[in-house]
Amino acid sequence: MTRLILNPLFWAVVIIVAWLVVITMSIVSNPDGARAQNDKHASTSLAQLGG
């Protein structure tokens, strides 16, 4: 177990998997797509129109 923890390849895989999970969760929470995250003004104006 100690050898696995000290293995840089193990940590590289852990970081890549965690990064993919974060991206997947952000896509799931924002079905409009990644472009909508950059356009904060559009989402605020939509919220104001909704009341």
PDB file of N, CA and C in Angstrom:
ATOM      1  N   MET A   1       0.828  -1.206   0.000  1.00  0.00           N
ATOM      2  CA  MET A   1       0.000   0.000   0.000  1.00  0.00           C
ATOM      3  C   MET A   1       0.868   1.265   0.000  1.00  0.00           C
ATOM      4  N   THR A   2       1.931   1.261   0.775  1.00  0.00           N
ATOM      5  CA  THR A   2       2.811   2.431   0.825  1.00  0.00           C
ATOM      6  C   THR A   2       3.445   2.685  -0.541  1.00  0.00           C
ATOM      7  N   ARG A   3       3.799   1.602  -1.232  1.00  0.00           N
ATOM      8  CA  ARG A   3       4.416   1.750  -2.544  1.00  0.00           C
ATOM      9  C   ARG A   3       3.434   2.404  -3.520  1.00  0.00           C
ATOM     10  N   LEU A   4       2.145   2.056  -3.408  1.00  0.00           N
ATOM     11  CA  LEU A   4       1.131   2.643  -4.280  1.00  0.00           C
ATOM     12  C   LEU A   4       0.975   4.138  -4.004  1.00  0.00           C
ATOM     13  N   ILE A   5       0.978   4.513  -2.735  1.00  0.00           N
ATOM     14  CA  ILE A   5       0.814   5.926  -2.362  1.00  0.00           C
ATOM     15  C   ILE A   5       2.005   6.760  -2.837  1.00  0.00           C
ATOM     16  N   LEU A   6       3.186   6.178  -2.843  1.00  0.00           N
ATOM     17  CA  LEU A   6       4.377   6.912  -3.263  1.00  0.00           C
ATOM     18  C   LEU A   6       4.554   6.923  -4.778  1.00  0.00           C
ATOM     19  N   ASN A   7       3.689   6.194  -5.509  1.00  0.00           N
ATOM     20  CA  ASN A   7       3.838   6.085  -6.953  1.00  0.00           C
ATOM     21  C   ASN A   7       3.279   7.339  -7.640  1.00  0.00           C
ATOM     22  N   PRO A   8       4.105   8.088  -8.369  1.00  0.00           N
ATOM     23  CA  PRO A   8       3.625   9.306  -9.045  1.00  0.00           C
ATOM     24  C   PRO A   8       2.550   9.006 -10.085  1.00  0.00           C
ATOM     25  N   LEU A   9       2.642   7.845 -10.746  1.00  0.00           N
ATOM     26  CA  LEU A   9       1.640   7.483 -11.749  1.00  0.00           C
ATOM     27  C   LEU A   9       0.268   7.324 -11.106  1.00  0.00           C
ATOM     28  N   PHE A  10       0.243   6.764  -9.902  1.00  0.00           N
ATOM     29  CA  PHE A  10      -1.013   6.614  -9.161  1.00  0.00           C
ATOM     30  C   PHE A  10      -1.642   7.978  -8.914  1.00  0.00           C
ATOM     31  N   TRP A  11      -0.837   8.954  -8.498  1.00  0.00           N
ATOM     32  CA  TRP A  11      -1.362  10.289  -8.226  1.00  0.00           C
ATOM     33  C   TRP A  11      -1.794  10.988  -9.504  1.00  0.00           C
ATOM     34  N   ALA A  12      -1.088  10.744 -10.610  1.00  0.00           N
ATOM     35  CA  ALA A  12      -1.493  11.328 -11.891  1.00  0.00           C
ATOM     36  C   ALA A  12      -2.873  10.812 -12.294  1.00  0.00           C
ATOM     37  N   VAL A  13      -3.096   9.513 -12.122  1.00  0.00           N
ATOM     38  CA  VAL A  13      -4.402   8.928 -12.447  1.00  0.00           C
ATOM     39  C   VAL A  13      -5.481   9.490 -11.527  1.00  0.00           C
ATOM     40  N   VAL A  14      -5.176   9.619 -10.242  1.00  0.00           N
ATOM     41  CA  VAL A  14      -6.153  10.160  -9.285  1.00  0.00           C
ATOM     42  C   VAL A  14      -6.550  11.585  -9.674  1.00  0.00           C
ATOM     43  N   ILE A  15      -5.562  12.412 -10.038  1.00  0.00           N
ATOM     44  CA  ILE A  15      -5.846  13.803 -10.403  1.00  0.00           C
ATOM     45  C   ILE A  15      -6.678  13.870 -11.678  1.00  0.00           C
ATOM     46  N   ILE A  16      -6.338  13.040 -12.678  1.00  0.00           N
ATOM     47  CA  ILE A  16      -7.090  13.043 -13.937  1.00  0.00           C
ATOM     48  C   ILE A  16      -8.530  12.608 -13.706  1.00  0.00           C
ATOM     49  N   VAL A  17      -8.724  11.563 -12.913  1.00  0.00           N
ATOM     50  CA  VAL A  17     -10.081  11.079 -12.638  1.00  0.00           C
ATOM     51  C   VAL A  17     -10.882  12.138 -11.884  1.00  0.00           C
ATOM     52  N   ALA A  18     -10.261  12.770 -10.889  1.00  0.00           N
ATOM     53  CA  ALA A  18     -10.961  13.810 -10.125  1.00  0.00           C
ATOM     54  C   ALA A  18     -11.333  14.981 -11.034  1.00  0.00           C
ATOM     55  N   TRP A  19     -10.439  15.345 -11.945  1.00  0.00           N
ATOM     56  CA  TRP A  19     -10.688  16.438 -12.882  1.00  0.00           C
ATOM     57  C   TRP A  19     -11.866  16.096 -13.800  1.00  0.00           C
ATOM     58  N   LEU A  20     -11.897  14.850 -14.287  1.00  0.00           N
ATOM     59  CA  LEU A  20     -13.004  14.419 -15.134  1.00  0.00           C
ATOM     60  C   LEU A  20     -14.322  14.435 -14.373  1.00  0.00           C
ATOM     61  N   VAL A  21     -14.293  14.039 -13.106  1.00  0.00           N
ATOM     62  CA  VAL A  21     -15.515  14.053 -12.293  1.00  0.00           C
ATOM     63  C   VAL A  21     -16.016  15.485 -12.120  1.00  0.00           C
ATOM     64  N   VAL A  22     -15.102  16.419 -11.867  1.00  0.00           N
ATOM     65  CA  VAL A  22     -15.498  17.820 -11.690  1.00  0.00           C
ATOM     66  C   VAL A  22     -16.125  18.363 -12.972  1.00  0.00           C
ATOM     67  N   ILE A  23     -15.515  18.062 -14.113  1.00  0.00           N
ATOM     68  CA  ILE A  23     -16.051  18.535 -15.391  1.00  0.00           C
ATOM     69  C   ILE A  23     -17.415  17.910 -15.662  1.00  0.00           C
ATOM     70  N   THR A  24     -17.542  16.609 -15.386  1.00  0.00           N
ATOM     71  CA  THR A  24     -18.822  15.930 -15.601  1.00  0.00           C
ATOM     72  C   THR A  24     -19.906  16.528 -14.719  1.00  0.00           C
ATOM     73  N   MET A  25     -19.581  16.797 -13.462  1.00  0.00           N
ATOM     74  CA  MET A  25     -20.571  17.375 -12.555  1.00  0.00           C
ATOM     75  C   MET A  25     -20.968  18.783 -13.002  1.00  0.00           C
ATOM     76  N   SER A  26     -20.020  19.557 -13.517  1.00  0.00           N
ATOM     77  CA  SER A  26     -20.352  20.910 -13.963  1.00  0.00           C
ATOM     78  C   SER A  26     -21.241  20.868 -15.203  1.00  0.00           C
ATOM     79  N   ILE A  27     -21.022  19.876 -16.079  1.00  0.00           N
ATOM     80  CA  ILE A  27     -21.873  19.735 -17.265  1.00  0.00           C
ATOM     81  C   ILE A  27     -23.272  19.286 -16.852  1.00  0.00           C
ATOM     82  N   VAL A  28     -23.346  18.370 -15.900  1.00  0.00           N
ATOM     83  CA  VAL A  28     -24.644  17.874 -15.441  1.00  0.00           C
ATOM     84  C   VAL A  28     -25.433  18.993 -14.764  1.00  0.00           C
ATOM     85  N   SER A  29     -24.760  19.812 -13.985  1.00  0.00           N
ATOM     86  CA  SER A  29     -25.452  20.888 -13.278  1.00  0.00           C
ATOM     87  C   SER A  29     -25.793  22.045 -14.215  1.00  0.00           C
ATOM     88  N   ASN A  30     -25.164  22.097 -15.391  1.00  0.00           N
ATOM     89  CA  ASN A  30     -25.436  23.168 -16.347  1.00  0.00           C
ATOM     90  C   ASN A  30     -25.693  22.556 -17.725  1.00  0.00           C
ATOM     91  N   PRO A  31     -26.915  22.111 -17.997  1.00  0.00           N
ATOM     92  CA  PRO A  31     -27.198  21.406 -19.256  1.00  0.00           C
ATOM     93  C   PRO A  31     -27.083  22.304 -20.487  1.00  0.00           C
ATOM     94  N   ASP A  32     -27.063  23.621 -20.294  1.00  0.00           N
ATOM     95  CA  ASP A  32     -26.970  24.527 -21.432  1.00  0.00           C
ATOM     96  C   ASP A  32     -25.606  24.464 -22.112  1.00  0.00           C
ATOM     97  N   GLY A  33     -24.633  23.914 -21.443  1.00  0.00           N
ATOM     98  CA  GLY A  33     -23.318  23.774 -22.039  1.00  0.00           C
ATOM     99  C   GLY A  33     -22.286  24.668 -21.385  1.00  0.00           C
ATOM    100  N   ALA A  34     -21.029  24.465 -21.761  1.00  0.00           N
ATOM    101  CA  ALA A  34     -19.928  25.183 -21.126  1.00  0.00           C
ATOM    102  C   ALA A  34     -19.952  26.668 -21.484  1.00  0.00           C
ATOM    103  N   ARG A  35     -20.515  27.029 -22.649  1.00  0.00           N
ATOM    104  CA  ARG A  35     -20.516  28.434 -23.055  1.00  0.00           C
ATOM    105  C   ARG A  35     -21.344  29.286 -22.101  1.00  0.00           C
ATOM    106  N   ALA A  36     -22.383  28.703 -21.528  1.00  0.00           N
ATOM    107  CA  ALA A  36     -23.259  29.460 -20.632  1.00  0.00           C
ATOM    108  C   ALA A  36     -22.522  29.886 -19.365  1.00  0.00           C
ATOM    109  N   GLN A  37     -21.513  29.128 -18.966  1.00  0.00           N
ATOM    110  CA  GLN A  37     -20.764  29.482 -17.759  1.00  0.00           C
ATOM    111  C   GLN A  37     -19.976  30.771 -17.985  1.00  0.00           C
ATOM    112  N   ASN A  38     -19.473  30.991 -19.193  1.00  0.00           N
ATOM    113  CA  ASN A  38     -18.685  32.181 -19.482  1.00  0.00           C
ATOM    114  C   ASN A  38     -19.579  33.411 -19.618  1.00  0.00           C
ATOM    115  N   ASP A  39     -20.838  33.207 -20.001  1.00  0.00           N
ATOM    116  CA  ASP A  39     -21.751  34.324 -20.222  1.00  0.00           C
ATOM    117  C   ASP A  39     -22.637  34.501 -18.998  1.00  0.00           C
ATOM    118  N   LYS A  40     -22.082  35.134 -17.983  1.00  0.00           N
ATOM    119  CA  LYS A  40     -22.823  35.307 -16.726  1.00  0.00           C
ATOM    120  C   LYS A  40     -23.959  36.319 -16.912  1.00  0.00           C
ATOM    121  N   HIS A  41     -23.793  37.284 -17.825  1.00  0.00           N
ATOM    122  CA  HIS A  41     -24.804  38.320 -18.007  1.00  0.00           C
ATOM    123  C   HIS A  41     -26.099  37.726 -18.546  1.00  0.00           C
ATOM    124  N   ALA A  42     -25.996  36.751 -19.445  1.00  0.00           N
ATOM    125  CA  ALA A  42     -27.194  36.140 -20.017  1.00  0.00           C
ATOM    126  C   ALA A  42     -27.993  35.423 -18.931  1.00  0.00           C
ATOM    127  N   SER A  43     -27.314  34.709 -18.060  1.00  0.00           N
ATOM    128  CA  SER A  43     -28.034  33.985 -17.014  1.00  0.00           C
ATOM    129  C   SER A  43     -28.673  34.951 -16.016  1.00  0.00           C
ATOM    130  N   THR A  44     -28.008  36.079 -15.735  1.00  0.00           N
ATOM    131  CA  THR A  44     -28.605  37.034 -14.788  1.00  0.00           C
ATOM    132  C   THR A  44     -29.818  37.704 -15.411  1.00  0.00           C
ATOM    133  N   SER A  45     -29.742  38.067 -16.692  1.00  0.00           N
ATOM    134  CA  SER A  45     -30.891  38.719 -17.315  1.00  0.00           C
ATOM    135  C   SER A  45     -32.061  37.744 -17.416  1.00  0.00           C
ATOM    136  N   LEU A  46     -31.785  36.477 -17.662  1.00  0.00           N
ATOM    137  CA  LEU A  46     -32.848  35.477 -17.698  1.00  0.00           C
ATOM    138  C   LEU A  46     -33.501  35.354 -16.331  1.00  0.00           C
ATOM    139  N   ALA A  47     -32.713  35.404 -15.282  1.00  0.00           N
ATOM    140  CA  ALA A  47     -33.260  35.299 -13.928  1.00  0.00           C
ATOM    141  C   ALA A  47     -34.131  36.517 -13.617  1.00  0.00           C
ATOM    142  N   GLN A  48     -33.717  37.691 -14.091  1.00  0.00           N
ATOM    143  CA  GLN A  48     -34.508  38.898 -13.846  1.00  0.00           C
ATOM    144  C   GLN A  48     -35.822  38.855 -14.622  1.00  0.00           C
ATOM    145  N   LEU A  49     -35.783  38.318 -15.850  1.00  0.00           N
ATOM    146  CA  LEU A  49     -37.007  38.206 -16.636  1.00  0.00           C
ATOM    147  C   LEU A  49     -37.982  37.238 -15.983  1.00  0.00           C
ATOM    148  N   GLY A  50     -37.436  36.184 -15.381  1.00  0.00           N
ATOM    149  CA  GLY A  50     -38.285  35.201 -14.725  1.00  0.00           C
ATOM    150  C   GLY A  50     -38.974  35.759 -13.492  1.00  0.00           C
ATOM    151  N   GLY A  51     -38.456  36.838 -12.950  1.00  0.00           N
ATOM    152  CA  GLY A  51     -39.104  37.450 -11.799  1.00  0.00           C
ATOM    153  C   GLY A  51     -38.433  37.050 -10.533  1.00  0.00           C
TER     154      GLY A  51
END
